[in-house]
N, C-alpha and C. Protein backbone atom coordinates (compact mmCIF):
# COMPACT_ATOMS: atom_id res chain seq x y z
N PHE A 1 14.25 13.40 28.73
CA PHE A 1 14.13 15.00 28.51
C PHE A 1 15.29 16.10 28.58
N GLY A 2 16.59 15.49 29.62
CA GLY A 2 17.24 16.10 29.90
C GLY A 2 16.77 17.27 31.42
N ILE A 3 16.02 16.52 32.15
CA ILE A 3 15.21 17.55 33.39
C ILE A 3 16.52 17.06 34.37
N ALA A 4 16.82 18.31 34.77
CA ALA A 4 17.51 17.70 36.46
C ALA A 4 16.46 16.82 37.34
N THR A 5 17.03 15.99 38.43
CA THR A 5 16.39 15.30 39.23
C THR A 5 15.72 16.60 40.37
N ASP A 6 16.46 17.80 40.19
CA ASP A 6 15.94 18.30 41.61
C ASP A 6 14.72 19.92 41.03
N GLU A 7 14.77 19.65 39.44
CA GLU A 7 14.23 20.54 38.70
C GLU A 7 12.50 20.25 38.67
N ASN A 8 11.77 21.30 38.68
CA ASN A 8 10.37 21.05 38.92
C ASN A 8 9.49 21.18 37.48
N PHE A 9 8.88 20.26 37.62
CA PHE A 9 8.15 20.33 35.77
C PHE A 9 6.53 19.76 35.81
N VAL A 10 5.82 20.40 34.40
CA VAL A 10 5.04 19.87 34.87
C VAL A 10 4.34 19.62 33.23
N ILE A 11 3.46 18.34 33.34
CA ILE A 11 3.00 17.94 31.68
C ILE A 11 1.77 18.09 32.06
N THR A 12 1.06 19.06 30.50
CA THR A 12 -0.51 19.44 31.02
C THR A 12 -0.49 19.48 29.66
N THR A 13 -1.85 19.46 28.72
CA THR A 13 -3.26 20.10 27.78
C THR A 13 -2.80 21.02 26.96
N THR A 14 -2.81 20.50 25.48
CA THR A 14 -2.93 22.42 25.17
C THR A 14 -3.62 22.90 25.52
N ASN A 15 -4.70 22.58 26.67
CA ASN A 15 -5.63 23.74 27.12
C ASN A 15 -5.20 24.08 28.47
N ARG A 16 -3.73 23.89 28.45
CA ARG A 16 -3.37 23.95 30.14
C ARG A 16 -3.70 23.23 31.10
N LYS A 17 -4.34 22.03 30.81
CA LYS A 17 -4.81 21.31 31.95
C LYS A 17 -3.55 20.59 33.10
N GLU A 18 -3.50 20.41 34.15
CA GLU A 18 -2.08 19.67 34.49
C GLU A 18 -2.85 18.41 34.65
N ILE A 19 -1.47 17.49 34.31
CA ILE A 19 -2.05 15.68 34.05
C ILE A 19 -1.09 15.35 35.52
N THR A 20 -2.71 14.77 35.95
CA THR A 20 -2.44 13.87 37.47
C THR A 20 -2.86 12.93 37.68
N GLU A 21 -2.13 12.08 38.36
CA GLU A 21 -2.73 10.85 38.92
C GLU A 21 -4.36 10.61 38.87
N ASP A 22 -4.75 11.36 38.80
CA ASP A 22 -6.45 11.69 39.04
C ASP A 22 -7.27 11.31 37.37
N ASN A 23 -6.36 12.62 36.73
CA ASN A 23 -7.08 12.98 35.56
C ASN A 23 -6.38 12.02 34.30
N PHE A 24 -5.49 11.46 34.63
CA PHE A 24 -4.55 10.52 33.34
C PHE A 24 -5.33 10.21 32.52
N SER A 25 -6.33 8.87 33.22
CA SER A 25 -6.92 7.94 32.38
C SER A 25 -7.98 8.76 31.17
N GLU A 26 -8.49 10.00 31.67
CA GLU A 26 -9.68 10.74 31.11
C GLU A 26 -8.54 11.62 30.22
N LEU A 27 -7.76 12.54 30.56
CA LEU A 27 -6.68 13.26 29.70
C LEU A 27 -5.67 12.92 28.71
N VAL A 28 -5.71 11.80 28.99
CA VAL A 28 -4.08 11.04 27.95
C VAL A 28 -4.82 10.46 27.26
N GLN A 29 -5.27 10.30 25.76
CA GLN A 29 -5.84 9.52 24.86
C GLN A 29 -4.85 9.28 23.53
N ASP A 30 -4.44 8.38 22.88
CA ASP A 30 -4.00 8.10 21.51
C ASP A 30 -3.84 8.99 20.82
N GLY A 31 -2.70 9.94 20.57
CA GLY A 31 -2.59 10.77 19.82
C GLY A 31 -2.93 12.34 20.05
N VAL A 32 -3.08 12.46 21.42
CA VAL A 32 -3.01 13.37 22.29
C VAL A 32 -2.00 14.33 22.36
N THR A 33 -1.80 15.77 21.89
CA THR A 33 -0.50 16.70 22.38
C THR A 33 -0.63 16.92 23.65
N LEU A 34 1.14 16.88 24.13
CA LEU A 34 0.87 17.41 25.72
C LEU A 34 2.12 18.22 25.30
N TYR A 35 2.13 18.99 26.72
CA TYR A 35 3.19 20.31 27.17
C TYR A 35 4.13 19.61 27.91
N LEU A 36 5.12 19.58 27.96
CA LEU A 36 6.65 19.47 28.69
C LEU A 36 6.74 20.67 29.49
N LEU A 37 6.41 21.39 30.76
CA LEU A 37 6.64 22.75 30.91
C LEU A 37 7.24 22.75 32.50
N GLN A 38 7.80 23.85 33.03
CA GLN A 38 8.44 24.64 34.07
C GLN A 38 7.28 24.54 35.00
N SER A 39 6.05 25.39 34.03
CA SER A 39 4.69 25.71 35.27
C SER A 39 3.46 25.95 34.08
N VAL A 40 2.42 25.72 34.76
CA VAL A 40 1.15 25.40 34.08
C VAL A 40 1.09 27.02 33.42
N ASP A 41 1.31 28.46 33.40
CA ASP A 41 1.45 29.11 32.91
C ASP A 41 2.26 29.44 32.04
N GLN A 42 3.66 28.85 32.22
CA GLN A 42 4.52 29.42 31.40
C GLN A 42 4.50 29.39 29.92
N MET A 43 4.75 30.73 29.30
CA MET A 43 4.87 31.10 27.86
C MET A 43 5.73 30.18 26.93
N LEU A 44 4.91 29.38 25.85
CA LEU A 44 6.10 28.80 25.41
C LEU A 44 6.86 29.78 23.92
N VAL A 45 8.08 29.07 23.99
CA VAL A 45 8.93 29.52 23.35
C VAL A 45 9.23 29.66 21.87
N LEU A 46 8.24 28.43 20.97
CA LEU A 46 8.07 28.44 19.99
C LEU A 46 6.58 28.33 19.51
N ALA A 47 6.02 27.90 18.46
CA ALA A 47 4.97 27.49 17.88
C ALA A 47 4.53 26.49 17.95
N THR A 48 3.45 25.47 18.40
CA THR A 48 3.48 23.96 18.52
C THR A 48 2.32 23.63 17.41
N LYS A 49 2.55 22.52 17.18
CA LYS A 49 1.49 21.83 16.19
C LYS A 49 0.69 21.13 16.83
N GLU A 50 -0.68 20.86 16.54
CA GLU A 50 -1.85 19.51 17.18
C GLU A 50 -2.02 18.56 16.11
N ARG A 51 -2.19 17.91 15.92
CA ARG A 51 -2.96 17.00 14.97
C ARG A 51 -4.33 16.45 15.45
N ILE A 52 -5.49 17.00 15.08
CA ILE A 52 -6.62 16.95 15.11
C ILE A 52 -7.14 15.88 13.93
N ASP A 53 -7.91 14.46 13.92
CA ASP A 53 -8.56 14.00 13.81
C ASP A 53 -9.87 14.29 13.75
N PHE A 54 -10.78 14.13 12.76
CA PHE A 54 -12.31 14.34 13.06
C PHE A 54 -12.66 13.88 11.56
N LEU A 55 -14.26 13.52 12.09
CA LEU A 55 -15.21 12.25 11.40
C LEU A 55 -16.18 13.26 10.50
N PRO A 56 -15.99 13.75 9.31
CA PRO A 56 -16.85 14.36 9.12
C PRO A 56 -18.52 13.70 9.04
N HIS A 57 -19.56 15.41 9.22
CA HIS A 57 -21.22 14.51 9.97
C HIS A 57 -21.45 14.26 8.55
N TYR A 58 -22.20 13.36 8.94
CA TYR A 58 -23.03 12.71 8.11
C TYR A 58 -23.94 13.13 6.96
N ASP A 59 -24.23 14.29 7.36
CA ASP A 59 -25.27 15.60 6.26
C ASP A 59 -24.57 15.44 5.16
N THR A 60 -23.00 15.52 5.41
CA THR A 60 -22.00 15.85 4.06
C THR A 60 -22.47 15.04 2.93
N LEU A 61 -22.48 13.90 3.42
CA LEU A 61 -22.92 12.56 1.91
C LEU A 61 -24.67 12.94 1.98
N VAL A 62 -25.13 12.91 3.22
CA VAL A 62 -26.98 12.62 2.90
C VAL A 62 -27.25 13.47 2.04
N LYS A 63 -26.77 14.64 2.57
CA LYS A 63 -27.68 16.00 2.17
C LYS A 63 -26.60 16.77 0.70
N SER A 64 -25.57 16.37 0.44
CA SER A 64 -24.79 16.69 -0.91
C SER A 64 -25.48 16.39 -2.08
N GLY A 65 -26.10 15.58 -2.14
CA GLY A 65 -27.08 15.29 -3.73
C GLY A 65 -28.35 16.44 -3.96
N MET A 66 -28.81 16.50 -2.35
CA MET A 66 -29.83 17.52 -2.71
C MET A 66 -29.06 18.88 -3.43
N TYR A 67 -27.82 19.45 -2.62
CA TYR A 67 -27.63 20.25 -2.63
C TYR A 67 -26.97 20.79 -4.38
N GLU A 68 -26.31 19.35 -4.83
CA GLU A 68 -25.81 19.44 -6.02
C GLU A 68 -26.65 19.45 -6.97
N TYR A 69 -27.45 18.83 -7.33
CA TYR A 69 -28.60 18.24 -7.93
C TYR A 69 -29.72 19.26 -8.40
N TYR A 70 -30.07 20.34 -6.70
CA TYR A 70 -31.01 21.28 -7.13
C TYR A 70 -30.33 22.80 -7.63
N ALA A 71 -28.76 22.47 -7.50
CA ALA A 71 -28.51 23.45 -7.75
C ALA A 71 -28.20 23.89 -9.93
N SER A 72 -28.60 23.20 -10.34
CA SER A 72 -28.74 22.63 -11.65
C SER A 72 -29.85 23.26 -11.88
N GLU A 73 -29.86 24.45 -11.76
CA GLU A 73 -31.31 25.84 -12.09
C GLU A 73 -31.77 25.47 -13.57
N GLY A 74 -33.26 25.41 -13.82
CA GLY A 74 -33.65 25.09 -15.44
C GLY A 74 -33.54 23.70 -15.69
N GLN A 75 -32.99 22.62 -14.99
CA GLN A 75 -33.00 20.99 -15.56
C GLN A 75 -33.84 20.06 -14.68
N ASN A 76 -33.87 19.06 -15.22
CA ASN A 76 -34.50 18.06 -14.96
C ASN A 76 -33.38 17.36 -14.17
N PRO A 77 -33.01 17.42 -12.66
CA PRO A 77 -31.51 16.65 -12.63
C PRO A 77 -31.90 15.33 -12.38
N LEU A 78 -32.69 15.04 -12.49
CA LEU A 78 -32.86 12.89 -12.31
C LEU A 78 -32.46 12.47 -13.12
N PRO A 79 -32.52 12.22 -14.83
CA PRO A 79 -31.66 11.67 -15.61
C PRO A 79 -30.01 11.86 -14.88
N PHE A 80 -29.70 12.70 -14.59
CA PHE A 80 -28.03 13.27 -14.56
C PHE A 80 -27.75 12.15 -13.08
N ALA A 81 -28.77 11.81 -12.38
CA ALA A 81 -28.83 11.15 -11.04
C ALA A 81 -28.90 9.53 -11.42
N LEU A 82 -29.64 9.53 -12.07
CA LEU A 82 -29.31 7.97 -12.64
C LEU A 82 -28.29 7.42 -14.01
N ALA A 83 -27.76 8.14 -14.19
CA ALA A 83 -26.63 8.40 -15.04
C ALA A 83 -25.38 8.06 -14.08
N GLU A 84 -25.58 8.81 -13.11
CA GLU A 84 -24.41 8.54 -12.10
C GLU A 84 -24.27 6.98 -11.75
N LEU A 85 -25.56 6.64 -11.56
CA LEU A 85 -25.63 5.19 -11.17
C LEU A 85 -25.37 4.26 -12.29
N ILE A 86 -25.76 4.59 -13.47
CA ILE A 86 -25.34 3.51 -14.28
C ILE A 86 -23.92 3.74 -14.83
N ASP A 87 -22.99 4.71 -14.52
CA ASP A 87 -21.69 4.97 -14.42
C ASP A 87 -21.11 4.14 -13.96
N ASN A 88 -21.60 3.34 -12.49
CA ASN A 88 -20.39 1.93 -11.92
C ASN A 88 -20.55 0.94 -12.62
N SER A 89 -22.00 0.72 -13.75
CA SER A 89 -21.91 -0.18 -14.67
C SER A 89 -21.13 -0.53 -15.94
N LEU A 90 -21.35 0.78 -16.52
CA LEU A 90 -20.90 0.85 -17.26
C LEU A 90 -18.87 0.69 -17.21
N SER A 91 -18.46 1.22 -16.14
CA SER A 91 -17.11 0.61 -15.93
C SER A 91 -17.12 -0.96 -15.77
N ALA A 92 -17.37 -1.07 -14.96
CA ALA A 92 -17.64 -3.00 -14.54
C ALA A 92 -17.30 -3.79 -16.01
N THR A 93 -18.62 -3.38 -16.63
CA THR A 93 -19.05 -4.03 -17.97
C THR A 93 -17.80 -3.45 -19.34
N SER A 94 -17.07 -2.73 -18.79
CA SER A 94 -16.15 -1.95 -20.20
C SER A 94 -15.15 -2.71 -20.62
N ARG A 95 -15.13 -4.26 -19.90
CA ARG A 95 -13.98 -5.10 -20.78
C ARG A 95 -14.40 -5.82 -20.55
N ASN A 96 -15.71 -6.69 -20.62
CA ASN A 96 -16.40 -7.46 -20.93
C ASN A 96 -16.46 -8.21 -22.51
N THR A 97 -15.68 -10.25 -23.05
CA THR A 97 -15.65 -10.10 -24.05
C THR A 97 -16.82 -10.38 -24.48
N GLY A 98 -17.66 -10.69 -24.02
CA GLY A 98 -19.16 -10.95 -24.54
C GLY A 98 -19.72 -9.85 -24.22
N ILE A 99 -21.39 -9.83 -24.19
CA ILE A 99 -22.13 -9.07 -24.03
C ILE A 99 -22.27 -8.34 -22.96
N ARG A 100 -22.50 -6.78 -23.04
CA ARG A 100 -22.87 -6.19 -22.20
C ARG A 100 -24.11 -5.66 -21.82
N SER A 101 -24.30 -6.36 -20.32
CA SER A 101 -25.61 -6.25 -19.71
C SER A 101 -26.10 -5.39 -18.62
N ILE A 102 -26.67 -4.58 -19.10
CA ILE A 102 -27.14 -3.30 -18.01
C ILE A 102 -28.11 -3.14 -17.94
N GLN A 103 -29.25 -3.59 -17.15
CA GLN A 103 -30.61 -3.37 -16.60
C GLN A 103 -30.77 -1.85 -15.56
N ILE A 104 -32.20 -1.54 -15.46
CA ILE A 104 -32.45 -0.84 -14.85
C ILE A 104 -33.83 -0.88 -14.58
N LYS A 105 -34.01 -1.38 -13.46
CA LYS A 105 -35.02 -1.64 -12.73
C LYS A 105 -35.99 -0.19 -11.84
N LEU A 106 -37.33 -0.08 -12.15
CA LEU A 106 -37.76 0.62 -11.30
C LEU A 106 -38.56 -0.41 -10.66
N LEU A 107 -38.58 -0.54 -9.11
CA LEU A 107 -39.21 -1.40 -8.50
C LEU A 107 -40.51 -0.43 -7.17
N PHE A 108 -41.69 -0.50 -7.38
CA PHE A 108 -42.59 0.20 -6.96
C PHE A 108 -43.42 -0.61 -6.05
N ASP A 109 -42.77 -1.70 -5.80
CA ASP A 109 -43.51 -3.08 -4.45
C ASP A 109 -42.61 -2.77 -3.37
N ASP A 110 -42.52 -3.68 -2.21
CA ASP A 110 -42.21 -3.60 -0.92
C ASP A 110 -41.00 -4.91 -1.02
N SER A 111 -40.63 -5.25 -1.87
CA SER A 111 -39.89 -6.36 -2.45
C SER A 111 -38.53 -5.87 -1.71
N GLN A 112 -37.91 -4.78 -1.94
CA GLN A 112 -36.86 -4.41 -1.42
C GLN A 112 -36.85 -3.73 0.08
N GLY A 113 -38.05 -3.41 0.46
CA GLY A 113 -38.08 -3.30 1.82
C GLY A 113 -39.33 -1.77 1.31
N LYS A 114 -38.71 -1.09 0.65
CA LYS A 114 -39.29 0.06 0.04
C LYS A 114 -39.11 0.21 -1.93
N PRO A 115 -39.87 1.39 -1.81
CA PRO A 115 -39.66 1.38 -3.68
C PRO A 115 -38.17 1.87 -3.89
N ALA A 116 -37.74 1.31 -5.03
CA ALA A 116 -36.09 1.38 -5.03
C ALA A 116 -35.68 1.56 -6.76
N VAL A 117 -34.21 2.21 -7.01
CA VAL A 117 -34.08 2.39 -8.50
C VAL A 117 -33.08 0.94 -8.20
N ALA A 118 -33.09 -0.20 -8.89
CA ALA A 118 -32.28 -1.24 -9.19
C ALA A 118 -31.32 -1.32 -10.74
N VAL A 119 -29.64 -1.13 -10.46
CA VAL A 119 -28.65 -1.04 -11.47
C VAL A 119 -28.08 -2.61 -11.36
N ILE A 120 -28.51 -3.45 -12.40
CA ILE A 120 -27.53 -4.42 -12.55
C ILE A 120 -27.14 -4.50 -13.31
N ASP A 121 -25.69 -5.28 -13.31
CA ASP A 121 -24.75 -5.84 -14.89
C ASP A 121 -24.25 -7.06 -14.41
N ASN A 122 -23.57 -7.28 -15.88
CA ASN A 122 -22.75 -8.71 -15.80
C ASN A 122 -21.52 -7.88 -15.53
N GLY A 123 -20.86 -7.71 -15.15
CA GLY A 123 -19.80 -6.93 -15.23
C GLY A 123 -18.44 -7.55 -13.94
N ARG A 124 -17.32 -6.85 -13.95
CA ARG A 124 -16.17 -8.11 -13.11
C ARG A 124 -16.39 -7.72 -11.99
N GLY A 125 -17.38 -7.31 -11.19
CA GLY A 125 -18.04 -7.24 -9.90
C GLY A 125 -16.63 -6.31 -9.22
N MET A 126 -16.91 -6.20 -7.61
CA MET A 126 -15.72 -5.97 -6.90
C MET A 126 -15.77 -6.09 -5.96
N THR A 127 -14.15 -5.99 -5.27
CA THR A 127 -14.10 -6.62 -4.10
C THR A 127 -14.76 -5.79 -2.92
N SER A 128 -14.14 -6.42 -1.52
CA SER A 128 -15.22 -5.71 -0.22
C SER A 128 -14.16 -4.47 -0.46
N LYS A 129 -12.59 -4.32 -0.52
CA LYS A 129 -11.89 -3.34 -0.59
C LYS A 129 -12.19 -2.30 -1.27
N GLN A 130 -13.11 -2.65 -2.47
CA GLN A 130 -13.18 -1.63 -4.07
C GLN A 130 -14.66 -1.17 -3.25
N LEU A 131 -15.14 -1.76 -2.51
CA LEU A 131 -16.30 -1.32 -2.13
C LEU A 131 -16.49 -0.18 -1.31
N ASN A 132 -15.27 -0.68 -0.61
CA ASN A 132 -15.34 0.57 0.72
C ASN A 132 -14.81 1.69 0.14
N ASN A 133 -14.01 1.45 -1.22
CA ASN A 133 -13.60 2.63 -1.53
C ASN A 133 -14.42 3.75 -2.21
N TRP A 134 -15.58 2.76 -2.66
CA TRP A 134 -16.60 3.61 -3.77
C TRP A 134 -17.70 4.12 -2.14
N ALA A 135 -17.63 4.07 -1.20
CA ALA A 135 -18.24 4.45 -0.50
C ALA A 135 -17.55 5.94 0.32
N VAL A 136 -16.17 6.10 -0.08
CA VAL A 136 -15.15 7.22 0.27
C VAL A 136 -15.78 8.10 -0.10
N TYR A 137 -16.30 9.52 0.37
CA TYR A 137 -16.36 10.56 -0.07
C TYR A 137 -15.06 11.16 -0.49
N ARG A 138 -15.78 11.81 -2.07
CA ARG A 138 -14.58 12.42 -2.68
C ARG A 138 -13.39 11.61 -2.98
N LEU A 139 -13.15 10.48 -3.28
CA LEU A 139 -12.26 9.52 -3.55
C LEU A 139 -12.72 9.30 -5.07
N SER A 140 -12.10 9.99 -5.84
CA SER A 140 -12.19 10.12 -7.26
C SER A 140 -11.64 8.34 -7.69
N LYS A 141 -12.49 7.88 -8.77
CA LYS A 141 -12.13 6.39 -9.60
C LYS A 141 -10.78 6.61 -10.09
N PHE A 142 -10.55 8.10 -10.48
CA PHE A 142 -9.49 8.06 -11.39
C PHE A 142 -7.57 8.44 -10.65
N THR A 143 -7.98 8.65 -9.25
CA THR A 143 -6.92 9.25 -8.31
C THR A 143 -7.14 8.24 -7.49
N ARG A 144 -7.60 6.98 -7.47
CA ARG A 144 -7.42 5.85 -5.68
C ARG A 144 -6.48 4.86 -6.63
N GLN A 145 -5.00 5.85 -5.63
CA GLN A 145 -4.04 4.93 -5.28
C GLN A 145 -3.25 4.44 -4.44
N GLY A 146 -2.40 4.03 -4.13
CA GLY A 146 -1.53 3.62 -3.33
C GLY A 146 -1.98 2.92 -2.34
N ASP A 147 -2.49 3.20 -0.92
CA ASP A 147 -2.95 2.42 0.03
C ASP A 147 -4.83 1.99 -0.71
N PHE A 148 -5.37 2.53 -1.69
CA PHE A 148 -6.62 2.26 -1.81
C PHE A 148 -6.73 1.47 -3.55
N GLU A 149 -7.32 0.33 -2.75
CA GLU A 149 -7.27 -0.86 -3.99
C GLU A 149 -8.70 -0.39 -4.87
N SER A 150 -8.37 0.11 -5.96
CA SER A 150 -9.59 0.91 -7.23
C SER A 150 -10.04 -0.44 -8.07
N ASP A 151 -11.17 0.08 -8.15
CA ASP A 151 -11.62 -0.70 -9.80
C ASP A 151 -11.65 -0.49 -10.89
N HIS A 152 -10.61 1.00 -10.57
CA HIS A 152 -10.25 1.27 -11.89
C HIS A 152 -8.88 1.05 -12.23
N SER A 153 -8.02 0.33 -11.49
CA SER A 153 -6.75 0.28 -11.21
C SER A 153 -5.81 0.41 -12.79
N GLY A 154 -4.74 0.54 -12.80
CA GLY A 154 -4.48 0.93 -14.12
C GLY A 154 -5.08 2.08 -15.20
N TYR A 155 -6.37 2.30 -14.65
CA TYR A 155 -6.89 3.01 -15.95
C TYR A 155 -6.12 3.80 -16.66
N VAL A 156 -6.37 4.25 -17.93
CA VAL A 156 -6.25 4.76 -19.01
C VAL A 156 -7.35 5.56 -19.68
N ARG A 157 -7.29 6.38 -19.61
CA ARG A 157 -8.23 7.58 -20.61
C ARG A 157 -8.41 7.32 -21.83
N PRO A 158 -9.36 6.61 -22.06
CA PRO A 158 -10.26 5.89 -23.47
C PRO A 158 -9.68 7.33 -24.97
N LEU A 159 -9.97 6.21 -25.93
CA LEU A 159 -9.80 7.50 -27.12
C LEU A 159 -11.25 7.88 -27.07
N PRO A 160 -11.07 9.35 -27.66
CA PRO A 160 -12.58 10.05 -27.99
C PRO A 160 -14.08 9.04 -28.45
N VAL A 161 -14.72 8.90 -27.36
CA VAL A 161 -15.90 7.99 -28.10
C VAL A 161 -17.36 8.49 -26.71
N PRO A 162 -18.34 7.70 -27.39
CA PRO A 162 -19.26 8.49 -26.73
C PRO A 162 -19.21 8.64 -25.06
N ARG A 163 -19.41 9.29 -24.34
CA ARG A 163 -18.93 9.19 -22.50
C ARG A 163 -19.92 8.24 -22.05
N SER A 164 -21.44 7.88 -23.23
CA SER A 164 -22.18 7.22 -22.29
C SER A 164 -21.50 5.50 -22.22
N LEU A 165 -20.73 5.45 -23.46
CA LEU A 165 -20.00 4.30 -23.61
C LEU A 165 -18.43 3.81 -22.85
N ASN A 166 -18.05 5.46 -22.51
CA ASN A 166 -16.52 5.09 -21.95
C ASN A 166 -16.58 4.88 -19.95
N SER A 167 -17.50 4.61 -19.18
CA SER A 167 -17.83 4.85 -18.17
C SER A 167 -16.67 6.15 -17.71
N ASP A 168 -16.67 7.38 -18.22
CA ASP A 168 -16.42 8.69 -17.91
C ASP A 168 -16.99 9.86 -17.46
N ILE A 169 -18.34 9.29 -16.97
CA ILE A 169 -19.11 10.26 -16.51
C ILE A 169 -19.03 10.68 -15.45
N SER A 170 -18.50 9.94 -14.02
CA SER A 170 -18.55 10.06 -12.84
C SER A 170 -17.34 10.08 -12.50
N TYR A 171 -16.32 11.54 -12.78
CA TYR A 171 -15.01 12.05 -12.72
C TYR A 171 -14.57 12.21 -11.37
N PHE A 172 -15.11 13.34 -10.70
CA PHE A 172 -14.54 13.41 -9.73
C PHE A 172 -15.01 12.30 -8.26
N GLY A 173 -15.22 11.34 -8.25
CA GLY A 173 -15.58 10.21 -7.45
C GLY A 173 -16.73 10.92 -6.27
N VAL A 174 -17.62 11.82 -6.80
CA VAL A 174 -18.61 12.37 -5.68
C VAL A 174 -19.83 11.98 -6.02
N GLY A 175 -20.47 11.80 -7.77
CA GLY A 175 -21.32 11.52 -8.39
C GLY A 175 -22.84 9.89 -7.48
N GLY A 176 -21.78 9.37 -7.52
CA GLY A 176 -22.67 7.76 -7.00
C GLY A 176 -23.00 7.75 -5.66
N LYS A 177 -22.38 8.83 -4.75
CA LYS A 177 -23.06 9.06 -3.52
C LYS A 177 -24.43 10.08 -3.54
N GLN A 178 -24.07 10.47 -4.12
CA GLN A 178 -24.87 12.17 -4.20
C GLN A 178 -25.91 11.89 -4.89
N ALA A 179 -26.08 11.01 -5.79
CA ALA A 179 -27.19 11.00 -6.80
C ALA A 179 -27.88 9.76 -6.05
N VAL A 180 -27.47 8.75 -5.08
CA VAL A 180 -28.53 7.72 -4.49
C VAL A 180 -29.04 8.47 -3.24
N PHE A 181 -28.33 9.70 -2.57
CA PHE A 181 -29.10 9.98 -1.83
C PHE A 181 -30.02 11.33 -2.21
N PHE A 182 -29.86 11.84 -3.32
CA PHE A 182 -31.02 12.59 -4.25
C PHE A 182 -32.05 12.02 -4.59
N VAL A 183 -32.02 10.37 -4.73
CA VAL A 183 -33.14 9.85 -5.24
C VAL A 183 -33.57 8.87 -4.08
N GLY A 184 -33.28 8.37 -3.35
CA GLY A 184 -33.76 7.99 -2.06
C GLY A 184 -32.13 7.86 -0.55
N GLN A 185 -32.76 7.36 -0.06
CA GLN A 185 -32.47 7.52 1.54
C GLN A 185 -31.27 5.98 1.79
N SER A 186 -31.31 5.54 0.98
CA SER A 186 -30.02 4.09 1.06
C SER A 186 -29.70 3.60 -0.25
N ALA A 187 -28.24 3.38 -0.25
CA ALA A 187 -28.05 2.69 -1.08
C ALA A 187 -27.55 0.96 -0.72
N ARG A 188 -27.60 0.02 -1.62
CA ARG A 188 -27.40 -1.26 -1.41
C ARG A 188 -26.90 -1.62 -2.21
N MET A 189 -25.42 -1.95 -2.22
CA MET A 189 -24.55 -2.84 -3.41
C MET A 189 -24.21 -4.18 -3.24
N ILE A 190 -24.76 -5.03 -3.58
CA ILE A 190 -24.26 -6.61 -4.14
C ILE A 190 -22.82 -6.75 -5.10
N SER A 191 -22.20 -7.10 -5.03
CA SER A 191 -21.00 -7.63 -5.67
C SER A 191 -20.54 -8.41 -5.71
N LYS A 192 -20.14 -9.45 -6.63
CA LYS A 192 -19.53 -11.14 -6.72
C LYS A 192 -18.26 -10.59 -7.97
N PRO A 193 -17.03 -10.31 -7.47
CA PRO A 193 -15.81 -10.38 -8.34
C PRO A 193 -15.91 -11.63 -9.12
N ALA A 194 -15.62 -11.27 -10.42
CA ALA A 194 -15.65 -12.61 -11.85
C ALA A 194 -14.81 -13.24 -11.25
N ASP A 195 -13.53 -13.49 -10.33
CA ASP A 195 -12.76 -14.70 -10.35
C ASP A 195 -12.84 -15.18 -9.13
N SER A 196 -13.77 -14.37 -8.26
CA SER A 196 -14.32 -15.25 -6.43
C SER A 196 -15.71 -15.76 -6.37
N GLN A 197 -15.72 -16.69 -5.59
CA GLN A 197 -17.11 -17.00 -5.06
C GLN A 197 -17.60 -16.14 -4.07
N ASP A 198 -17.04 -15.46 -4.05
CA ASP A 198 -17.42 -14.59 -2.87
C ASP A 198 -18.65 -13.36 -3.19
N VAL A 199 -19.56 -13.03 -2.44
CA VAL A 199 -20.49 -12.09 -2.79
C VAL A 199 -19.98 -11.08 -1.26
N HIS A 200 -19.95 -9.81 -2.06
CA HIS A 200 -19.93 -9.01 -0.80
C HIS A 200 -21.16 -7.89 -0.84
N GLU A 201 -21.61 -7.19 0.21
CA GLU A 201 -22.99 -6.35 0.18
C GLU A 201 -22.43 -5.45 0.83
N LEU A 202 -22.49 -3.59 0.75
CA LEU A 202 -22.47 -2.98 1.16
C LEU A 202 -23.37 -2.02 1.28
N VAL A 203 -24.02 -1.65 2.56
CA VAL A 203 -25.20 -0.73 2.61
C VAL A 203 -24.97 1.20 3.34
N LEU A 204 -25.39 1.77 2.82
CA LEU A 204 -25.75 3.04 3.14
C LEU A 204 -26.77 3.42 3.40
N SER A 205 -27.12 3.85 4.34
CA SER A 205 -28.50 4.03 4.75
C SER A 205 -28.50 5.45 5.71
N LYS A 206 -29.42 6.02 5.59
CA LYS A 206 -29.66 7.70 6.14
C LYS A 206 -30.23 7.44 7.58
N GLU A 207 -30.99 6.17 7.29
CA GLU A 207 -31.41 5.67 8.79
C GLU A 207 -30.52 5.26 9.93
N ASP A 208 -29.41 4.65 9.43
CA ASP A 208 -28.14 4.04 9.99
C ASP A 208 -27.27 5.03 10.70
N PHE A 209 -27.06 5.96 9.87
CA PHE A 209 -26.65 7.30 10.15
C PHE A 209 -27.20 7.86 11.23
């Protein structure tokens, strides 16, 4: 740093708390921004930037569906929520060479622990990474690129056909999660990729959050 051997200096946090041998392990963590100064109260000669990493509060996911669907004033929002859940199956079965099978079951018993809505299809299935991507809030299925392995890799918008057939309902990558927490309090996705013998399961639960 070009500090002369006879020059005094201090290392501080952005709150101007001096780093010492006693508090080093408490204050110095991965990614923390530090100042190298001549004194604790030295004026900064330039503007500085500090990187902040944060995890959104789980209410962002759990309560967003309630806000979104109740905002559709004068409409019955339940069909829209169910349409979002069916959209995954429409997408998964869009390349089927045989029959496209999509079942919607309303389970009022305790076979799943609580009453449930089950959407079952014979589509191509999802890998563990694709299940992970589905759980990411605001990760649109049409923009999952780069580090994100998409279940719509190489997606090309289909020719104009009824939207109910082309899996174009959930365009913004929000609907599935919002729909789940509008209808209930947890989501359980079980998927087996067509070219694999592995079965992957993802659980999102308000109780676990």
